[in-house]
Amino acid sequence: MMKVSSSVVVTLLPFVVAASVVRCAEDLTTTSSHRRKLSKGKGSKINPPKPGPPPPEAPLALHALIEPVEDGTTFGTTTVRFNPDGAFLVSLDLNFLSGTDRGEVVITHGTSCDVASPQFSDVPFDDFELATNQYQAIGSYETGNAISLSAFRCLCEDQEKPADFIGKTVHIVDAAGNLIGCGPLEKEPPQMKVLTADVGRYPGYEGDLRPSGTITVTYTEGNAGNTDDFVYAYDLQGVLANCDTCGIHIHAGTSCATNELVKGHGWNTDKVEDLWTPVGGAFYNADNMGHANSYFHMNNGFGILENLHHAVVVHTEGGARVGCGILKYAKS
């Protein structure tokens, strides 16, 4: 094996270092030159983004709370959503249908559902090109316990403006031509998630309690489960001190004027059982000052529109009705 003396290594080392420095400098020069070439290539110039099309206006959506007419029992909602071409989608969520398993939906010129009113009309609002305006019911329609979740598309031949539909009434007609449900179309609020009621004394109650406060019904935004789930919250004063497991419910009536108008518990018998019970979780507990503040989750089978305008009732331990209020849209 050939040996290299240490003196030779020491002598050569400065030349090796110098050569390495030269090569590094050449590499840097090449890299810089390459970068300069790349900087002159295509796509190197950064242009400001072109302005995109203006965002579309929020589409107008109308809804109607459908309530029974004359001898009808139909209750639910009809929603109308408009497309740019003049067509619109009609969606139904109807309960307590009776008579037959099919019927028709008609948007009329009328602005009142009171058949005795001069504003009532059964004349169609416009001539529509309809794929169909029929709904189909499922369930026991012979006994009035059927529901319909139908939808269909209409094209307005005269290109009526969406705003022209506001106030017009939606008629739900059975196969025999009987009007069984009706409701005026209203503009959908932008934040239709929360209802609130101011609680006062129950009609006819003459006891010592002075219930007051608020009850709030909140539907969860982006609910991935059952869309009828809501949070029932309460903040009450003046209720019975130390009231334990006392009832607090939504009722079927839409007025606190008289006991008869408040009616009984409000729930959709086609979808759920009556959960307005202690077992169902619909109760409050008051402290020794008569104050109660908490919430519970609830589902009475109705969406926010069906619970709108309905009475909320505050009970005592014995079930006596002492407080009442009407659910309205919360002010934003």
C-alpha atoms as a PDB file:
ATOM      1  CA  MET A   1       0.000   0.000   0.000  1.00  0.00           C
ATOM      2  CA  MET A   2       1.241   3.419  -0.936  1.00  0.00           C
ATOM      3  CA  LYS A   3       1.845   5.759   1.984  1.00  0.00           C
ATOM      4  CA  VAL A   4       1.375   9.523   1.857  1.00  0.00           C
ATOM      5  CA  SER A   5       3.415  11.584   4.236  1.00  0.00           C
ATOM      6  CA  SER A   6       1.704  14.062   6.489  1.00  0.00           C
ATOM      7  CA  SER A   7       3.742  16.889   5.023  1.00  0.00           C
ATOM      8  CA  VAL A   8       2.285  16.182   1.596  1.00  0.00           C
ATOM      9  CA  VAL A   9      -1.271  16.223   2.994  1.00  0.00           C
ATOM     10  CA  VAL A  10      -0.645  19.512   4.709  1.00  0.00           C
ATOM     11  CA  THR A  11       0.859  20.921   1.539  1.00  0.00           C
ATOM     12  CA  LEU A  12      -2.098  19.843  -0.621  1.00  0.00           C
ATOM     13  CA  LEU A  13      -4.829  20.974   1.795  1.00  0.00           C
ATOM     14  CA  PRO A  14      -4.834  24.703   0.815  1.00  0.00           C
ATOM     15  CA  PHE A  15      -5.263  23.726  -2.835  1.00  0.00           C
ATOM     16  CA  VAL A  16      -8.212  21.415  -2.027  1.00  0.00           C
ATOM     17  CA  VAL A  17      -9.927  24.114  -0.005  1.00  0.00           C
ATOM     18  CA  ALA A  18      -9.362  26.692  -2.726  1.00  0.00           C
ATOM     19  CA  ALA A  19     -10.751  24.364  -5.405  1.00  0.00           C
ATOM     20  CA  SER A  20     -13.836  23.701  -3.286  1.00  0.00           C
ATOM     21  CA  VAL A  21     -14.424  27.410  -2.861  1.00  0.00           C
ATOM     22  CA  VAL A  22     -14.182  27.917  -6.626  1.00  0.00           C
ATOM     23  CA  ARG A  23     -16.637  25.084  -7.318  1.00  0.00           C
ATOM     24  CA  CYS A  24     -19.122  26.493  -4.750  1.00  0.00           C
ATOM     25  CA  ALA A  25     -18.855  29.922  -6.351  1.00  0.00           C
ATOM     26  CA  GLU A  26     -19.487  28.385  -9.774  1.00  0.00           C
ATOM     27  CA  ASP A  27     -22.496  26.493  -8.384  1.00  0.00           C
ATOM     28  CA  LEU A  28     -23.902  29.679  -6.888  1.00  0.00           C
ATOM     29  CA  THR A  29     -23.385  31.537 -10.162  1.00  0.00           C
ATOM     30  CA  THR A  30     -25.127  28.770 -12.090  1.00  0.00           C
ATOM     31  CA  THR A  31     -28.025  28.645  -9.629  1.00  0.00           C
ATOM     32  CA  SER A  32     -28.460  32.416  -9.726  1.00  0.00           C
ATOM     33  CA  SER A  33     -28.366  32.371 -13.524  1.00  0.00           C
ATOM     34  CA  HIS A  34     -30.919  29.556 -13.561  1.00  0.00           C
ATOM     35  CA  ARG A  35     -33.144  31.520 -11.214  1.00  0.00           C
ATOM     36  CA  ARG A  36     -32.855  34.568 -13.443  1.00  0.00           C
ATOM     37  CA  LYS A  37     -33.896  32.449 -16.405  1.00  0.00           C
ATOM     38  CA  LEU A  38     -36.841  31.061 -14.443  1.00  0.00           C
ATOM     39  CA  SER A  39     -37.857  34.552 -13.399  1.00  0.00           C
ATOM     40  CA  LYS A  40     -38.172  35.426 -17.080  1.00  0.00           C
ATOM     41  CA  GLY A  41     -40.266  32.364 -17.826  1.00  0.00           C
ATOM     42  CA  LYS A  42     -44.024  32.169 -18.354  1.00  0.00           C
ATOM     43  CA  GLY A  43     -46.284  32.788 -15.421  1.00  0.00           C
ATOM     44  CA  SER A  44     -43.721  34.673 -13.435  1.00  0.00           C
ATOM     45  CA  LYS A  45     -45.650  37.927 -13.577  1.00  0.00           C
ATOM     46  CA  ILE A  46     -48.271  38.113 -10.843  1.00  0.00           C
ATOM     47  CA  ASN A  47     -51.387  39.753 -12.197  1.00  0.00           C
ATOM     48  CA  PRO A  48     -54.063  41.039  -9.842  1.00  0.00           C
ATOM     49  CA  PRO A  49     -57.091  38.729  -9.810  1.00  0.00           C
ATOM     50  CA  LYS A  50     -59.897  39.725 -12.105  1.00  0.00           C
ATOM     51  CA  PRO A  51     -63.076  40.729 -10.328  1.00  0.00           C
ATOM     52  CA  GLY A  52     -65.608  37.905 -10.388  1.00  0.00           C
ATOM     53  CA  PRO A  53     -69.303  38.212 -11.086  1.00  0.00           C
ATOM     54  CA  PRO A  54     -71.323  39.968  -8.396  1.00  0.00           C
ATOM     55  CA  PRO A  55     -72.770  37.596  -5.821  1.00  0.00           C
ATOM     56  CA  PRO A  56     -76.369  36.628  -6.522  1.00  0.00           C
ATOM     57  CA  GLU A  57     -79.058  38.291  -4.505  1.00  0.00           C
ATOM     58  CA  ALA A  58     -80.474  36.240  -1.687  1.00  0.00           C
ATOM     59  CA  PRO A  59     -83.298  34.228  -3.244  1.00  0.00           C
ATOM     60  CA  LEU A  60     -86.742  35.148  -2.069  1.00  0.00           C
ATOM     61  CA  ALA A  61     -88.465  32.406  -0.115  1.00  0.00           C
ATOM     62  CA  LEU A  62     -92.089  32.557   0.952  1.00  0.00           C
ATOM     63  CA  HIS A  63     -93.855  30.356   3.431  1.00  0.00           C
ATOM     64  CA  ALA A  64     -97.434  29.815   4.500  1.00  0.00           C
ATOM     65  CA  LEU A  65     -98.593  28.363   7.782  1.00  0.00           C
ATOM     66  CA  ILE A  66    -101.439  26.075   6.732  1.00  0.00           C
ATOM     67  CA  GLU A  67    -104.285  25.811   9.216  1.00  0.00           C
ATOM     68  CA  PRO A  68    -107.653  24.038   9.088  1.00  0.00           C
ATOM     69  CA  VAL A  69    -110.524  25.654   7.197  1.00  0.00           C
ATOM     70  CA  GLU A  70    -114.172  24.968   8.052  1.00  0.00           C
ATOM     71  CA  ASP A  71    -114.386  21.212   8.695  1.00  0.00           C
ATOM     72  CA  GLY A  72    -110.806  20.517   7.652  1.00  0.00           C
ATOM     73  CA  THR A  73    -108.030  19.336   9.960  1.00  0.00           C
ATOM     74  CA  THR A  74    -104.951  20.057   7.842  1.00  0.00           C
ATOM     75  CA  PHE A  75    -102.044  21.729   9.612  1.00  0.00           C
ATOM     76  CA  GLY A  76     -98.477  22.362   8.445  1.00  0.00           C
ATOM     77  CA  THR A  77     -96.465  24.513   6.065  1.00  0.00           C
ATOM     78  CA  THR A  78     -96.065  25.312   2.382  1.00  0.00           C
ATOM     79  CA  THR A  79     -92.815  26.854   1.144  1.00  0.00           C
ATOM     80  CA  VAL A  80     -92.284  28.551  -2.232  1.00  0.00           C
ATOM     81  CA  ARG A  81     -88.747  29.148  -3.539  1.00  0.00           C
ATOM     82  CA  PHE A  82     -88.164  31.014  -6.796  1.00  0.00           C
ATOM     83  CA  ASN A  83     -85.692  30.396  -9.635  1.00  0.00           C
ATOM     84  CA  PRO A  84     -84.312  33.041 -12.041  1.00  0.00           C
ATOM     85  CA  ASP A  85     -86.320  31.592 -14.973  1.00  0.00           C
ATOM     86  CA  GLY A  86     -89.655  32.313 -13.303  1.00  0.00           C
ATOM     87  CA  ALA A  87     -90.156  28.765 -12.116  1.00  0.00           C
ATOM     88  CA  PHE A  88     -90.621  28.002  -8.450  1.00  0.00           C
ATOM     89  CA  LEU A  89     -90.527  24.999  -6.199  1.00  0.00           C
ATOM     90  CA  VAL A  90     -93.456  24.281  -3.913  1.00  0.00           C
ATOM     91  CA  SER A  91     -92.644  22.134  -0.876  1.00  0.00           C
ATOM     92  CA  LEU A  92     -95.201  20.778   1.564  1.00  0.00           C
ATOM     93  CA  ASP A  93     -95.031  19.567   5.127  1.00  0.00           C
ATOM     94  CA  LEU A  94     -98.651  18.804   5.946  1.00  0.00           C
ATOM     95  CA  ASN A  95    -100.215  16.892   8.803  1.00  0.00           C
ATOM     96  CA  PHE A  96    -103.674  15.604   9.741  1.00  0.00           C
ATOM     97  CA  LEU A  97    -104.796  15.104   6.151  1.00  0.00           C
ATOM     98  CA  SER A  98    -108.137  13.415   5.629  1.00  0.00           C
ATOM     99  CA  GLY A  99    -110.503  12.373   2.850  1.00  0.00           C
ATOM    100  CA  THR A 100    -108.236  10.806   0.239  1.00  0.00           C
ATOM    101  CA  ASP A 101    -104.598  10.053  -0.314  1.00  0.00           C
ATOM    102  CA  ARG A 102    -104.256  12.812  -2.921  1.00  0.00           C
ATOM    103  CA  GLY A 103    -105.222  16.431  -3.349  1.00  0.00           C
ATOM    104  CA  GLU A 104    -104.253  19.727  -4.928  1.00  0.00           C
ATOM    105  CA  VAL A 105    -102.332  22.837  -3.903  1.00  0.00           C
ATOM    106  CA  VAL A 106    -103.617  26.117  -5.348  1.00  0.00           C
ATOM    107  CA  ILE A 107    -102.167  29.622  -4.951  1.00  0.00           C
ATOM    108  CA  THR A 108    -105.123  31.988  -5.177  1.00  0.00           C
ATOM    109  CA  HIS A 109    -105.872  35.671  -5.689  1.00  0.00           C
ATOM    110  CA  GLY A 110    -107.310  35.813  -2.169  1.00  0.00           C
ATOM    111  CA  THR A 111    -105.504  37.339   0.780  1.00  0.00           C
ATOM    112  CA  SER A 112    -107.713  35.895   3.538  1.00  0.00           C
ATOM    113  CA  CYS A 113    -108.508  32.346   4.632  1.00  0.00           C
ATOM    114  CA  ASP A 114    -111.818  33.421   6.165  1.00  0.00           C
ATOM    115  CA  VAL A 115    -114.421  32.151   3.690  1.00  0.00           C
ATOM    116  CA  ALA A 116    -116.801  34.909   4.815  1.00  0.00           C
ATOM    117  CA  SER A 117    -114.281  37.674   4.080  1.00  0.00           C
ATOM    118  CA  PRO A 118    -114.431  39.702   0.833  1.00  0.00           C
ATOM    119  CA  GLN A 119    -110.657  39.110   0.588  1.00  0.00           C
ATOM    120  CA  PHE A 120    -111.236  35.363   0.293  1.00  0.00           C
ATOM    121  CA  SER A 121    -110.956  33.874  -3.204  1.00  0.00           C
ATOM    122  CA  ASP A 122    -110.518  30.444  -4.715  1.00  0.00           C
ATOM    123  CA  VAL A 123    -109.540  31.849  -8.136  1.00  0.00           C
ATOM    124  CA  PRO A 124    -105.984  30.773  -9.040  1.00  0.00           C
ATOM    125  CA  PHE A 125    -103.485  33.627  -8.853  1.00  0.00           C
ATOM    126  CA  ASP A 126    -102.045  32.824 -12.274  1.00  0.00           C
ATOM    127  CA  ASP A 127    -102.030  30.173 -14.964  1.00  0.00           C
ATOM    128  CA  PHE A 128     -99.123  27.901 -14.256  1.00  0.00           C
ATOM    129  CA  GLU A 129     -97.441  25.251 -16.294  1.00  0.00           C
ATOM    130  CA  LEU A 130     -97.579  22.477 -13.766  1.00  0.00           C
ATOM    131  CA  ALA A 131     -95.758  19.207 -13.851  1.00  0.00           C
ATOM    132  CA  THR A 132     -98.298  18.487 -11.157  1.00  0.00           C
ATOM    133  CA  ASN A 133     -99.816  20.439  -8.326  1.00  0.00           C
ATOM    134  CA  GLN A 134    -100.946  17.333  -6.519  1.00  0.00           C
ATOM    135  CA  TYR A 135     -99.772  16.180  -3.160  1.00  0.00           C
ATOM    136  CA  GLN A 136     -99.677  12.585  -2.075  1.00  0.00           C
ATOM    137  CA  ALA A 137    -100.448  11.591   1.478  1.00  0.00           C
ATOM    138  CA  ILE A 138     -98.980   8.707   3.406  1.00  0.00           C
ATOM    139  CA  GLY A 139    -100.389   7.170   6.540  1.00  0.00           C
ATOM    140  CA  SER A 140    -103.932   6.646   7.720  1.00  0.00           C
ATOM    141  CA  TYR A 141    -105.710   9.320   5.686  1.00  0.00           C
ATOM    142  CA  GLU A 142    -109.116   7.749   6.365  1.00  0.00           C
ATOM    143  CA  THR A 143    -108.841   8.812   9.997  1.00  0.00           C
ATOM    144  CA  GLY A 144    -107.161  12.154   9.336  1.00  0.00           C
ATOM    145  CA  ASN A 145    -103.735  11.019  10.467  1.00  0.00           C
ATOM    146  CA  ALA A 146    -101.906  11.188   7.142  1.00  0.00           C
ATOM    147  CA  ILE A 147     -98.970  13.434   6.301  1.00  0.00           C
ATOM    148  CA  SER A 148     -97.556  14.784   3.047  1.00  0.00           C
ATOM    149  CA  LEU A 149     -93.969  15.780   2.314  1.00  0.00           C
ATOM    150  CA  SER A 150     -94.571  16.422  -1.370  1.00  0.00           C
ATOM    151  CA  ALA A 151     -92.831  18.878  -3.692  1.00  0.00           C
ATOM    152  CA  PHE A 152     -93.408  19.982  -7.255  1.00  0.00           C
ATOM    153  CA  ARG A 153     -92.196  22.614  -9.721  1.00  0.00           C
ATOM    154  CA  CYS A 154     -94.303  25.326 -11.353  1.00  0.00           C
ATOM    155  CA  LEU A 155     -93.548  27.746 -14.168  1.00  0.00           C
ATOM    156  CA  CYS A 156     -95.386  31.033 -14.060  1.00  0.00           C
ATOM    157  CA  GLU A 157     -96.520  31.677 -17.652  1.00  0.00           C
ATOM    158  CA  ASP A 158     -96.952  35.428 -17.215  1.00  0.00           C
ATOM    159  CA  GLN A 159     -93.630  35.736 -15.371  1.00  0.00           C
ATOM    160  CA  GLU A 160     -95.191  37.146 -12.237  1.00  0.00           C
ATOM    161  CA  LYS A 161     -92.579  38.634  -9.939  1.00  0.00           C
ATOM    162  CA  PRO A 162     -91.865  36.672  -6.762  1.00  0.00           C
ATOM    163  CA  ALA A 163     -92.864  39.659  -4.607  1.00  0.00           C
ATOM    164  CA  ASP A 164     -96.315  39.563  -6.231  1.00  0.00           C
ATOM    165  CA  PHE A 165     -96.994  36.304  -4.424  1.00  0.00           C
ATOM    166  CA  ILE A 166     -96.647  37.846  -0.960  1.00  0.00           C
ATOM    167  CA  GLY A 167    -100.009  37.845   0.807  1.00  0.00           C
ATOM    168  CA  LYS A 168    -101.670  35.438  -1.626  1.00  0.00           C
ATOM    169  CA  THR A 169    -103.289  32.407  -0.003  1.00  0.00           C
ATOM    170  CA  VAL A 170    -102.347  28.773  -0.467  1.00  0.00           C
ATOM    171  CA  HIS A 171    -105.319  26.400  -0.579  1.00  0.00           C
ATOM    172  CA  ILE A 172    -105.026  22.715   0.233  1.00  0.00           C
ATOM    173  CA  VAL A 173    -107.883  20.932  -1.534  1.00  0.00           C
ATOM    174  CA  ASP A 174    -108.788  17.255  -1.251  1.00  0.00           C
ATOM    175  CA  ALA A 175    -109.692  15.065  -4.233  1.00  0.00           C
ATOM    176  CA  ALA A 176    -113.384  15.865  -3.804  1.00  0.00           C
ATOM    177  CA  GLY A 177    -112.690  19.589  -4.145  1.00  0.00           C
ATOM    178  CA  ASN A 178    -113.125  20.411  -0.464  1.00  0.00           C
ATOM    179  CA  LEU A 179    -110.913  23.126   1.008  1.00  0.00           C
ATOM    180  CA  ILE A 180    -109.258  21.511   4.017  1.00  0.00           C
ATOM    181  CA  GLY A 181    -106.392  23.930   4.750  1.00  0.00           C
ATOM    182  CA  CYS A 182    -105.316  27.497   3.977  1.00  0.00           C
ATOM    183  CA  GLY A 183    -102.578  30.001   4.740  1.00  0.00           C
ATOM    184  CA  PRO A 184    -101.230  33.317   3.352  1.00  0.00           C
ATOM    185  CA  LEU A 185     -97.739  33.441   1.867  1.00  0.00           C
ATOM    186  CA  GLU A 186     -95.308  35.529   3.893  1.00  0.00           C
ATOM    187  CA  LYS A 187     -91.691  36.508   3.386  1.00  0.00           C
ATOM    188  CA  GLU A 188     -89.349  34.199   5.217  1.00  0.00           C
ATOM    189  CA  PRO A 189     -87.360  36.030   7.910  1.00  0.00           C
ATOM    190  CA  PRO A 190     -83.576  35.965   7.326  1.00  0.00           C
ATOM    191  CA  GLN A 191     -82.925  34.444  10.745  1.00  0.00           C
ATOM    192  CA  MET A 192     -85.823  32.087  11.232  1.00  0.00           C
ATOM    193  CA  LYS A 193     -84.421  30.030  14.082  1.00  0.00           C
ATOM    194  CA  VAL A 194     -85.733  31.484  17.322  1.00  0.00           C
ATOM    195  CA  LEU A 195     -89.177  32.029  18.833  1.00  0.00           C
ATOM    196  CA  THR A 196     -89.763  33.827  22.102  1.00  0.00           C
ATOM    197  CA  ALA A 197     -92.748  34.401  24.372  1.00  0.00           C
ATOM    198  CA  ASP A 198     -93.325  36.919  27.146  1.00  0.00           C
ATOM    199  CA  VAL A 199     -95.027  35.165  30.035  1.00  0.00           C
ATOM    200  CA  GLY A 200     -97.898  36.715  31.978  1.00  0.00           C
ATOM    201  CA  ARG A 201    -100.716  35.454  34.159  1.00  0.00           C
ATOM    202  CA  TYR A 202    -102.844  32.651  32.785  1.00  0.00           C
ATOM    203  CA  PRO A 203    -106.380  33.707  31.746  1.00  0.00           C
ATOM    204  CA  GLY A 204    -108.757  33.291  34.667  1.00  0.00           C
ATOM    205  CA  TYR A 205    -106.038  32.590  37.232  1.00  0.00           C
ATOM    206  CA  GLU A 206    -106.778  34.537  40.430  1.00  0.00           C
ATOM    207  CA  GLY A 207    -104.138  33.175  42.786  1.00  0.00           C
ATOM    208  CA  ASP A 208    -101.266  34.963  44.503  1.00  0.00           C
ATOM    209  CA  LEU A 209     -98.568  34.116  41.974  1.00  0.00           C
ATOM    210  CA  ARG A 210     -97.375  36.720  39.484  1.00  0.00           C
ATOM    211  CA  PRO A 211     -95.432  34.739  36.880  1.00  0.00           C
ATOM    212  CA  SER A 212     -93.343  36.717  34.390  1.00  0.00           C
ATOM    213  CA  GLY A 213     -90.298  36.244  32.225  1.00  0.00           C
ATOM    214  CA  THR A 214     -89.496  34.719  28.852  1.00  0.00           C
ATOM    215  CA  ILE A 215     -89.602  31.351  27.147  1.00  0.00           C
ATOM    216  CA  THR A 216     -87.389  30.783  24.102  1.00  0.00           C
ATOM    217  CA  VAL A 217     -87.613  28.067  21.461  1.00  0.00           C
ATOM    218  CA  THR A 218     -84.424  27.731  19.395  1.00  0.00           C
ATOM    219  CA  TYR A 219     -83.974  25.446  16.408  1.00  0.00           C
ATOM    220  CA  THR A 220     -80.331  24.485  15.947  1.00  0.00           C
ATOM    221  CA  GLU A 221     -78.724  25.852  12.779  1.00  0.00           C
ATOM    222  CA  GLY A 222     -77.288  23.161  10.518  1.00  0.00           C
ATOM    223  CA  ASN A 223     -79.047  20.428  12.446  1.00  0.00           C
ATOM    224  CA  ALA A 224     -77.757  17.176  10.961  1.00  0.00           C
ATOM    225  CA  GLY A 225     -80.353  15.068  12.736  1.00  0.00           C
ATOM    226  CA  ASN A 226     -84.071  15.587  13.168  1.00  0.00           C
ATOM    227  CA  THR A 227     -84.882  19.116  12.035  1.00  0.00           C
ATOM    228  CA  ASP A 228     -87.791  19.304  14.494  1.00  0.00           C
ATOM    229  CA  ASP A 229     -85.424  19.216  17.489  1.00  0.00           C
ATOM    230  CA  PHE A 230     -85.278  22.443  19.468  1.00  0.00           C
ATOM    231  CA  VAL A 231     -84.009  23.883  22.741  1.00  0.00           C
ATOM    232  CA  TYR A 232     -86.739  25.042  25.112  1.00  0.00           C
ATOM    233  CA  ALA A 233     -85.266  27.648  27.478  1.00  0.00           C
ATOM    234  CA  TYR A 234     -86.977  29.622  30.240  1.00  0.00           C
ATOM    235  CA  ASP A 235     -86.148  32.482  32.574  1.00  0.00           C
ATOM    236  CA  LEU A 236     -89.076  32.959  34.949  1.00  0.00           C
ATOM    237  CA  GLN A 237     -89.868  34.948  38.061  1.00  0.00           C
ATOM    238  CA  GLY A 238     -92.899  34.923  40.315  1.00  0.00           C
ATOM    239  CA  VAL A 239     -93.633  31.211  40.010  1.00  0.00           C
ATOM    240  CA  LEU A 240     -94.305  28.938  42.964  1.00  0.00           C
ATOM    241  CA  ALA A 241     -91.294  28.882  45.305  1.00  0.00           C
ATOM    242  CA  ASN A 242     -89.455  25.556  45.393  1.00  0.00           C
ATOM    243  CA  CYS A 243     -91.717  24.208  42.670  1.00  0.00           C
ATOM    244  CA  ASP A 244     -90.323  20.766  41.843  1.00  0.00           C
ATOM    245  CA  THR A 245     -90.760  19.084  38.450  1.00  0.00           C
ATOM    246  CA  CYS A 246     -93.420  21.579  37.384  1.00  0.00           C
ATOM    247  CA  GLY A 247     -94.795  21.498  33.841  1.00  0.00           C
ATOM    248  CA  ILE A 248     -93.882  24.006  31.147  1.00  0.00           C
ATOM    249  CA  HIS A 249     -95.227  23.308  27.655  1.00  0.00           C
ATOM    250  CA  ILE A 250     -96.258  24.468  24.189  1.00  0.00           C
ATOM    251  CA  HIS A 251    -100.015  24.121  23.761  1.00  0.00           C
ATOM    252  CA  ALA A 252    -102.201  23.623  20.698  1.00  0.00           C
ATOM    253  CA  GLY A 253    -103.966  26.967  21.055  1.00  0.00           C
ATOM    254  CA  THR A 254    -102.821  30.265  19.570  1.00  0.00           C
ATOM    255  CA  SER A 255    -104.255  32.682  22.137  1.00  0.00           C
ATOM    256  CA  CYS A 256    -103.971  33.398  25.870  1.00  0.00           C
ATOM    257  CA  ALA A 257    -107.309  35.240  25.912  1.00  0.00           C
ATOM    258  CA  THR A 258    -109.337  32.380  27.395  1.00  0.00           C
ATOM    259  CA  ASN A 259    -108.685  28.913  28.747  1.00  0.00           C
ATOM    260  CA  GLU A 260    -110.597  27.382  25.843  1.00  0.00           C
ATOM    261  CA  LEU A 261    -108.332  29.078  23.285  1.00  0.00           C
ATOM    262  CA  VAL A 262    -105.144  27.841  24.965  1.00  0.00           C
ATOM    263  CA  LYS A 263    -106.269  24.198  24.496  1.00  0.00           C
ATOM    264  CA  GLY A 264    -104.156  21.191  25.495  1.00  0.00           C
ATOM    265  CA  HIS A 265    -100.616  20.061  24.766  1.00  0.00           C
ATOM    266  CA  GLY A 266     -99.391  20.771  21.237  1.00  0.00           C
ATOM    267  CA  TRP A 267     -97.642  17.879  19.474  1.00  0.00           C
ATOM    268  CA  ASN A 268     -97.786  16.051  16.168  1.00  0.00           C
ATOM    269  CA  THR A 269     -99.515  12.755  16.840  1.00  0.00           C
ATOM    270  CA  ASP A 270     -98.331  11.430  13.458  1.00  0.00           C
ATOM    271  CA  LYS A 271     -94.656  11.734  14.368  1.00  0.00           C
ATOM    272  CA  VAL A 272     -94.028  11.621  18.117  1.00  0.00           C
ATOM    273  CA  GLU A 273     -95.658  10.804  21.406  1.00  0.00           C
ATOM    274  CA  ASP A 274     -96.616  13.524  23.838  1.00  0.00           C
ATOM    275  CA  LEU A 275     -93.333  14.551  25.464  1.00  0.00           C
ATOM    276  CA  TRP A 276     -94.867  17.509  27.351  1.00  0.00           C
ATOM    277  CA  THR A 277     -94.613  15.488  30.559  1.00  0.00           C
ATOM    278  CA  PRO A 278     -92.113  15.105  33.396  1.00  0.00           C
ATOM    279  CA  VAL A 279     -91.028  11.793  31.865  1.00  0.00           C
ATOM    280  CA  GLY A 280     -90.508  13.604  28.562  1.00  0.00           C
ATOM    281  CA  GLY A 281     -88.319  16.183  30.326  1.00  0.00           C
ATOM    282  CA  ALA A 282     -90.702  19.144  29.997  1.00  0.00           C
ATOM    283  CA  PHE A 283     -90.457  20.614  33.485  1.00  0.00           C
ATOM    284  CA  TYR A 284     -88.742  23.309  35.543  1.00  0.00           C
ATOM    285  CA  ASN A 285     -87.525  23.570  39.131  1.00  0.00           C
ATOM    286  CA  ALA A 286     -87.844  26.865  40.975  1.00  0.00           C
ATOM    287  CA  ASP A 287     -85.734  28.168  43.849  1.00  0.00           C
ATOM    288  CA  ASN A 288     -87.042  29.491  47.161  1.00  0.00           C
ATOM    289  CA  MET A 289     -87.531  32.930  45.589  1.00  0.00           C
ATOM    290  CA  GLY A 290     -89.798  31.651  42.815  1.00  0.00           C
ATOM    291  CA  HIS A 291     -87.148  31.956  40.118  1.00  0.00           C
ATOM    292  CA  ALA A 292     -86.435  29.333  37.445  1.00  0.00           C
ATOM    293  CA  ASN A 293     -83.763  29.545  34.756  1.00  0.00           C
ATOM    294  CA  SER A 294     -82.687  26.558  32.637  1.00  0.00           C
ATOM    295  CA  TYR A 295     -83.483  24.645  29.442  1.00  0.00           C
ATOM    296  CA  PHE A 296     -84.187  21.202  27.977  1.00  0.00           C
ATOM    297  CA  HIS A 297     -84.149  19.653  24.505  1.00  0.00           C
ATOM    298  CA  MET A 298     -87.524  18.888  22.976  1.00  0.00           C
ATOM    299  CA  ASN A 299     -89.229  17.599  19.834  1.00  0.00           C
ATOM    300  CA  ASN A 300     -93.009  17.911  19.507  1.00  0.00           C
ATOM    301  CA  GLY A 301     -93.015  16.835  15.860  1.00  0.00           C
ATOM    302  CA  PHE A 302     -93.403  20.376  14.543  1.00  0.00           C
ATOM    303  CA  GLY A 303     -91.007  22.776  12.874  1.00  0.00           C
ATOM    304  CA  ILE A 304     -90.605  26.409  13.791  1.00  0.00           C
ATOM    305  CA  LEU A 305     -93.517  27.593  11.635  1.00  0.00           C
ATOM    306  CA  GLU A 306     -95.952  25.149  13.206  1.00  0.00           C
ATOM    307  CA  ASN A 307     -94.971  26.283  16.700  1.00  0.00           C
ATOM    308  CA  LEU A 308     -95.121  29.971  15.759  1.00  0.00           C
ATOM    309  CA  HIS A 309     -98.013  31.887  17.412  1.00  0.00           C
ATOM    310  CA  HIS A 310     -98.765  29.016  19.785  1.00  0.00           C
ATOM    311  CA  ALA A 311     -99.306  29.371  23.494  1.00  0.00           C
ATOM    312  CA  VAL A 312     -96.760  28.385  26.115  1.00  0.00           C
ATOM    313  CA  VAL A 313     -98.073  27.475  29.547  1.00  0.00           C
ATOM    314  CA  VAL A 314     -96.433  27.450  32.986  1.00  0.00           C
ATOM    315  CA  HIS A 315     -97.893  25.022  35.548  1.00  0.00           C
ATOM    316  CA  THR A 316     -97.489  24.447  39.282  1.00  0.00           C
ATOM    317  CA  GLU A 317     -96.801  21.140  41.006  1.00  0.00           C
ATOM    318  CA  GLY A 318    -100.471  20.226  41.018  1.00  0.00           C
ATOM    319  CA  GLY A 319    -100.804  20.998  37.307  1.00  0.00           C
ATOM    320  CA  ALA A 320    -102.622  24.307  37.739  1.00  0.00           C
ATOM    321  CA  ARG A 321    -102.047  26.750  34.855  1.00  0.00           C
ATOM    322  CA  VAL A 322    -100.589  29.993  36.210  1.00  0.00           C
ATOM    323  CA  GLY A 323     -98.625  31.516  33.300  1.00  0.00           C
ATOM    324  CA  CYS A 324     -99.188  31.958  29.579  1.00  0.00           C
ATOM    325  CA  GLY A 325     -97.506  33.593  26.563  1.00  0.00           C
ATOM    326  CA  ILE A 326     -97.521  33.475  22.756  1.00  0.00           C
ATOM    327  CA  LEU A 327     -94.482  32.407  20.714  1.00  0.00           C
ATOM    328  CA  LYS A 328     -93.349  35.021  18.188  1.00  0.00           C
ATOM    329  CA  TYR A 329     -90.278  35.565  16.050  1.00  0.00           C
ATOM    330  CA  ALA A 330     -87.396  36.796  18.159  1.00  0.00           C
ATOM    331  CA  LYS A 331     -86.275  40.313  17.284  1.00  0.00           C
ATOM    332  CA  SER A 332     -82.846  40.311  15.675  1.00  0.00           C
END
